Amino acid sequence: MNYNKIRSVCRVIRIILGLFLIAIAFITGNVWFYLGFILLIAGIMNFCPLCIITKKCSIK
């Protein structure tokens, strides 16, 4: 199994979802959607916040 391909797909999904949530925040004015910045930064920096919190990561 090619883990680099999975990681690159996850990275793209995080960036797209982060931008989508930030756009919803601008449109609706709901501040909770600004949590999309976490996904955006995680996608750009290529790290998984859940791996840091749980100390488990399936992708090495």
PDB file of N, CA and C in Angstrom:
ATOM      1  N   MET A   1       0.840  -1.184   0.000  1.00  0.00           N
ATOM      2  CA  MET A   1       0.000   0.000   0.000  1.00  0.00           C
ATOM      3  C   MET A   1       0.884   1.246   0.000  1.00  0.00           C
ATOM      4  N   ASN A   2       0.562   2.194  -0.832  1.00  0.00           N
ATOM      5  CA  ASN A   2       1.356   3.409  -0.949  1.00  0.00           C
ATOM      6  C   ASN A   2       0.842   4.459   0.029  1.00  0.00           C
ATOM      7  N   TYR A   3       1.561   4.618   1.159  1.00  0.00           N
ATOM      8  CA  TYR A   3       1.130   5.550   2.195  1.00  0.00           C
ATOM      9  C   TYR A   3       1.300   7.007   1.779  1.00  0.00           C
ATOM     10  N   ASN A   4       2.272   7.283   0.923  1.00  0.00           N
ATOM     11  CA  ASN A   4       2.465   8.666   0.464  1.00  0.00           C
ATOM     12  C   ASN A   4       1.258   9.159  -0.323  1.00  0.00           C
ATOM     13  N   LYS A   5       0.653   8.257  -1.081  1.00  0.00           N
ATOM     14  CA  LYS A   5      -0.530   8.641  -1.857  1.00  0.00           C
ATOM     15  C   LYS A   5      -1.705   8.937  -0.919  1.00  0.00           C
ATOM     16  N   ILE A   6      -1.875   8.120   0.127  1.00  0.00           N
ATOM     17  CA  ILE A   6      -2.945   8.362   1.092  1.00  0.00           C
ATOM     18  C   ILE A   6      -2.708   9.682   1.809  1.00  0.00           C
ATOM     19  N   ARG A   7      -1.479   9.913   2.213  1.00  0.00           N
ATOM     20  CA  ARG A   7      -1.155  11.145   2.919  1.00  0.00           C
ATOM     21  C   ARG A   7      -1.412  12.366   2.032  1.00  0.00           C
ATOM     22  N   SER A   8      -1.078  12.300   0.743  1.00  0.00           N
ATOM     23  CA  SER A   8      -1.299  13.450  -0.137  1.00  0.00           C
ATOM     24  C   SER A   8      -2.782  13.684  -0.374  1.00  0.00           C
ATOM     25  N   VAL A   9      -3.575  12.611  -0.436  1.00  0.00           N
ATOM     26  CA  VAL A   9      -5.024  12.764  -0.590  1.00  0.00           C
ATOM     27  C   VAL A   9      -5.614  13.393   0.664  1.00  0.00           C
ATOM     28  N   CYS A  10      -5.182  12.935   1.836  1.00  0.00           N
ATOM     29  CA  CYS A  10      -5.671  13.507   3.094  1.00  0.00           C
ATOM     30  C   CYS A  10      -5.288  14.983   3.205  1.00  0.00           C
ATOM     31  N   ARG A  11      -4.108  15.303   2.744  1.00  0.00           N
ATOM     32  CA  ARG A  11      -3.650  16.695   2.796  1.00  0.00           C
ATOM     33  C   ARG A  11      -4.538  17.591   1.936  1.00  0.00           C
ATOM     34  N   VAL A  12      -4.854  17.144   0.742  1.00  0.00           N
ATOM     35  CA  VAL A  12      -5.719  17.915  -0.154  1.00  0.00           C
ATOM     36  C   VAL A  12      -7.118  18.064   0.440  1.00  0.00           C
ATOM     37  N   ILE A  13      -7.630  16.985   1.024  1.00  0.00           N
ATOM     38  CA  ILE A  13      -8.963  17.033   1.627  1.00  0.00           C
ATOM     39  C   ILE A  13      -8.986  18.007   2.795  1.00  0.00           C
ATOM     40  N   ARG A  14      -7.946  18.012   3.624  1.00  0.00           N
ATOM     41  CA  ARG A  14      -7.886  18.959   4.747  1.00  0.00           C
ATOM     42  C   ARG A  14      -7.873  20.397   4.262  1.00  0.00           C
ATOM     43  N   ILE A  15      -7.104  20.689   3.225  1.00  0.00           N
ATOM     44  CA  ILE A  15      -7.016  22.054   2.711  1.00  0.00           C
ATOM     45  C   ILE A  15      -8.356  22.493   2.133  1.00  0.00           C
ATOM     46  N   ILE A  16      -8.977  21.643   1.335  1.00  0.00           N
ATOM     47  CA  ILE A  16     -10.259  21.988   0.723  1.00  0.00           C
ATOM     48  C   ILE A  16     -11.334  22.164   1.781  1.00  0.00           C
ATOM     49  N   LEU A  17     -11.403  21.246   2.745  1.00  0.00           N
ATOM     50  CA  LEU A  17     -12.410  21.339   3.799  1.00  0.00           C
ATOM     51  C   LEU A  17     -12.178  22.571   4.671  1.00  0.00           C
ATOM     52  N   GLY A  18     -10.923  22.878   4.959  1.00  0.00           N
ATOM     53  CA  GLY A  18     -10.604  24.074   5.736  1.00  0.00           C
ATOM     54  C   GLY A  18     -11.041  25.340   5.030  1.00  0.00           C
ATOM     55  N   LEU A  19     -10.746  25.451   3.740  1.00  0.00           N
ATOM     56  CA  LEU A  19     -11.172  26.626   2.972  1.00  0.00           C
ATOM     57  C   LEU A  19     -12.694  26.719   2.891  1.00  0.00           C
ATOM     58  N   PHE A  20     -13.352  25.576   2.767  1.00  0.00           N
ATOM     59  CA  PHE A  20     -14.811  25.542   2.718  1.00  0.00           C
ATOM     60  C   PHE A  20     -15.419  26.045   4.030  1.00  0.00           C
ATOM     61  N   LEU A  21     -14.889  25.575   5.158  1.00  0.00           N
ATOM     62  CA  LEU A  21     -15.410  26.013   6.448  1.00  0.00           C
ATOM     63  C   LEU A  21     -15.153  27.500   6.694  1.00  0.00           C
ATOM     64  N   ILE A  22     -14.009  27.992   6.279  1.00  0.00           N
ATOM     65  CA  ILE A  22     -13.700  29.412   6.435  1.00  0.00           C
ATOM     66  C   ILE A  22     -14.639  30.251   5.572  1.00  0.00           C
ATOM     67  N   ALA A  23     -14.943  29.779   4.366  1.00  0.00           N
ATOM     68  CA  ALA A  23     -15.884  30.489   3.499  1.00  0.00           C
ATOM     69  C   ALA A  23     -17.271  30.526   4.125  1.00  0.00           C
ATOM     70  N   ILE A  24     -17.698  29.429   4.726  1.00  0.00           N
ATOM     71  CA  ILE A  24     -18.998  29.415   5.404  1.00  0.00           C
ATOM     72  C   ILE A  24     -18.997  30.398   6.567  1.00  0.00           C
ATOM     73  N   ALA A  25     -17.875  30.501   7.277  1.00  0.00           N
ATOM     74  CA  ALA A  25     -17.776  31.453   8.387  1.00  0.00           C
ATOM     75  C   ALA A  25     -17.942  32.885   7.894  1.00  0.00           C
ATOM     76  N   PHE A  26     -17.338  33.206   6.765  1.00  0.00           N
ATOM     77  CA  PHE A  26     -17.481  34.556   6.218  1.00  0.00           C
ATOM     78  C   PHE A  26     -18.910  34.829   5.771  1.00  0.00           C
ATOM     79  N   ILE A  27     -19.531  33.840   5.189  1.00  0.00           N
ATOM     80  CA  ILE A  27     -20.895  34.027   4.662  1.00  0.00           C
ATOM     81  C   ILE A  27     -21.925  34.123   5.783  1.00  0.00           C
ATOM     82  N   THR A  28     -21.851  33.194   6.749  1.00  0.00           N
ATOM     83  CA  THR A  28     -22.869  33.142   7.793  1.00  0.00           C
ATOM     84  C   THR A  28     -22.548  34.010   8.998  1.00  0.00           C
ATOM     85  N   GLY A  29     -21.290  34.275   9.228  1.00  0.00           N
ATOM     86  CA  GLY A  29     -20.895  35.044  10.401  1.00  0.00           C
ATOM     87  C   GLY A  29     -20.785  34.191  11.656  1.00  0.00           C
ATOM     88  N   ASN A  30     -20.951  32.886  11.523  1.00  0.00           N
ATOM     89  CA  ASN A  30     -20.842  31.980  12.659  1.00  0.00           C
ATOM     90  C   ASN A  30     -19.367  31.718  12.938  1.00  0.00           C
ATOM     91  N   VAL A  31     -18.925  32.079  14.142  1.00  0.00           N
ATOM     92  CA  VAL A  31     -17.498  31.998  14.452  1.00  0.00           C
ATOM     93  C   VAL A  31     -16.995  30.567  14.607  1.00  0.00           C
ATOM     94  N   TRP A  32     -17.869  29.597  14.835  1.00  0.00           N
ATOM     95  CA  TRP A  32     -17.432  28.215  14.986  1.00  0.00           C
ATOM     96  C   TRP A  32     -16.818  27.661  13.710  1.00  0.00           C
ATOM     97  N   PHE A  33     -17.218  28.189  12.573  1.00  0.00           N
ATOM     98  CA  PHE A  33     -16.666  27.701  11.316  1.00  0.00           C
ATOM     99  C   PHE A  33     -15.226  28.173  11.088  1.00  0.00           C
ATOM    100  N   TYR A  34     -14.758  29.109  11.916  1.00  0.00           N
ATOM    101  CA  TYR A  34     -13.361  29.523  11.812  1.00  0.00           C
ATOM    102  C   TYR A  34     -12.412  28.426  12.298  1.00  0.00           C
ATOM    103  N   LEU A  35     -12.967  27.360  12.856  1.00  0.00           N
ATOM    104  CA  LEU A  35     -12.138  26.206  13.187  1.00  0.00           C
ATOM    105  C   LEU A  35     -11.566  25.564  11.930  1.00  0.00           C
ATOM    106  N   GLY A  36     -12.047  25.969  10.777  1.00  0.00           N
ATOM    107  CA  GLY A  36     -11.486  25.516   9.514  1.00  0.00           C
ATOM    108  C   GLY A  36     -10.027  25.910   9.354  1.00  0.00           C
ATOM    109  N   PHE A  37      -9.582  26.935  10.106  1.00  0.00           N
ATOM    110  CA  PHE A  37      -8.174  27.318  10.063  1.00  0.00           C
ATOM    111  C   PHE A  37      -7.284  26.189  10.580  1.00  0.00           C
ATOM    112  N   ILE A  38      -7.792  25.402  11.528  1.00  0.00           N
ATOM    113  CA  ILE A  38      -7.019  24.261  12.031  1.00  0.00           C
ATOM    114  C   ILE A  38      -6.784  23.256  10.908  1.00  0.00           C
ATOM    115  N   LEU A  39      -7.845  22.951  10.164  1.00  0.00           N
ATOM    116  CA  LEU A  39      -7.696  22.022   9.040  1.00  0.00           C
ATOM    117  C   LEU A  39      -6.787  22.593   7.956  1.00  0.00           C
ATOM    118  N   LEU A  40      -6.940  23.880   7.681  1.00  0.00           N
ATOM    119  CA  LEU A  40      -6.122  24.514   6.651  1.00  0.00           C
ATOM    120  C   LEU A  40      -4.648  24.470   7.025  1.00  0.00           C
ATOM    121  N   ILE A  41      -4.323  24.824   8.255  1.00  0.00           N
ATOM    122  CA  ILE A  41      -2.930  24.803   8.700  1.00  0.00           C
ATOM    123  C   ILE A  41      -2.394  23.372   8.733  1.00  0.00           C
ATOM    124  N   ALA A  42      -3.233  22.426   9.184  1.00  0.00           N
ATOM    125  CA  ALA A  42      -2.801  21.025   9.211  1.00  0.00           C
ATOM    126  C   ALA A  42      -2.517  20.520   7.803  1.00  0.00           C
ATOM    127  N   GLY A  43      -3.323  20.934   6.839  1.00  0.00           N
ATOM    128  CA  GLY A  43      -3.089  20.520   5.461  1.00  0.00           C
ATOM    129  C   GLY A  43      -1.849  21.145   4.865  1.00  0.00           C
ATOM    130  N   ILE A  44      -1.633  22.414   5.160  1.00  0.00           N
ATOM    131  CA  ILE A  44      -0.465  23.102   4.618  1.00  0.00           C
ATOM    132  C   ILE A  44       0.822  22.571   5.249  1.00  0.00           C
ATOM    133  N   MET A  45       0.797  22.366   6.571  1.00  0.00           N
ATOM    134  CA  MET A  45       1.989  21.912   7.280  1.00  0.00           C
ATOM    135  C   MET A  45       2.169  20.390   7.198  1.00  0.00           C
ATOM    136  N   ASN A  46       1.169  19.684   6.678  1.00  0.00           N
ATOM    137  CA  ASN A  46       1.197  18.234   6.488  1.00  0.00           C
ATOM    138  C   ASN A  46       1.410  17.479   7.803  1.00  0.00           C
ATOM    139  N   PHE A  47       0.565  17.795   8.783  1.00  0.00           N
ATOM    140  CA  PHE A  47       0.563  17.029  10.017  1.00  0.00           C
ATOM    141  C   PHE A  47      -0.880  16.741  10.411  1.00  0.00           C
ATOM    142  N   CYS A  48      -1.051  15.782  11.304  1.00  0.00           N
ATOM    143  CA  CYS A  48      -2.380  15.383  11.739  1.00  0.00           C
ATOM    144  C   CYS A  48      -2.541  15.728  13.213  1.00  0.00           C
ATOM    145  N   PRO A  49      -3.427  16.664  13.548  1.00  0.00           N
ATOM    146  CA  PRO A  49      -3.613  17.018  14.960  1.00  0.00           C
ATOM    147  C   PRO A  49      -4.079  15.834  15.812  1.00  0.00           C
ATOM    148  N   LEU A  50      -4.852  14.924  15.242  1.00  0.00           N
ATOM    149  CA  LEU A  50      -5.317  13.766  16.006  1.00  0.00           C
ATOM    150  C   LEU A  50      -4.173  12.843  16.373  1.00  0.00           C
ATOM    151  N   CYS A  51      -3.164  12.756  15.526  1.00  0.00           N
ATOM    152  CA  CYS A  51      -1.999  11.927  15.848  1.00  0.00           C
ATOM    153  C   CYS A  51      -1.260  12.504  17.053  1.00  0.00           C
ATOM    154  N   ILE A  52      -1.205  13.808  17.169  1.00  0.00           N
ATOM    155  CA  ILE A  52      -0.530  14.448  18.292  1.00  0.00           C
ATOM    156  C   ILE A  52      -1.330  14.233  19.574  1.00  0.00           C
ATOM    157  N   ILE A  53      -2.648  14.362  19.498  1.00  0.00           N
ATOM    158  CA  ILE A  53      -3.505  14.229  20.675  1.00  0.00           C
ATOM    159  C   ILE A  53      -3.545  12.785  21.174  1.00  0.00           C
ATOM    160  N   THR A  54      -3.743  11.837  20.255  1.00  0.00           N
ATOM    161  CA  THR A  54      -3.906  10.435  20.650  1.00  0.00           C
ATOM    162  C   THR A  54      -2.584   9.679  20.751  1.00  0.00           C
ATOM    163  N   LYS A  55      -1.501  10.256  20.261  1.00  0.00           N
ATOM    164  CA  LYS A  55      -0.178   9.623  20.238  1.00  0.00           C
ATOM    165  C   LYS A  55      -0.188   8.341  19.407  1.00  0.00           C
ATOM    166  N   LYS A  56      -1.149   8.230  18.487  1.00  0.00           N
ATOM    167  CA  LYS A  56      -1.228   7.078  17.590  1.00  0.00           C
ATOM    168  C   LYS A  56      -1.335   7.604  16.177  1.00  0.00           C
ATOM    169  N   CYS A  57      -0.645   6.952  15.274  1.00  0.00           N
ATOM    170  CA  CYS A  57      -0.756   7.328  13.878  1.00  0.00           C
ATOM    171  C   CYS A  57      -0.556   6.073  13.030  1.00  0.00           C
ATOM    172  N   SER A  58      -1.485   5.832  12.153  1.00  0.00           N
ATOM    173  CA  SER A  58      -1.401   4.629  11.321  1.00  0.00           C
ATOM    174  C   SER A  58      -0.461   4.814  10.146  1.00  0.00           C
ATOM    175  N   ILE A  59      -0.130   6.054   9.809  1.00  0.00           N
ATOM    176  CA  ILE A  59       0.760   6.340   8.690  1.00  0.00           C
ATOM    177  C   ILE A  59       2.112   6.764   9.239  1.00  0.00           C
ATOM    178  N   LYS A  60       3.123   6.002   8.954  1.00  0.00           N
ATOM    179  CA  LYS A  60       4.470   6.333   9.435  1.00  0.00           C
ATOM    180  C   LYS A  60       5.247   7.061   8.362  1.00  0.00           C
TER     181      LYS A  60
END
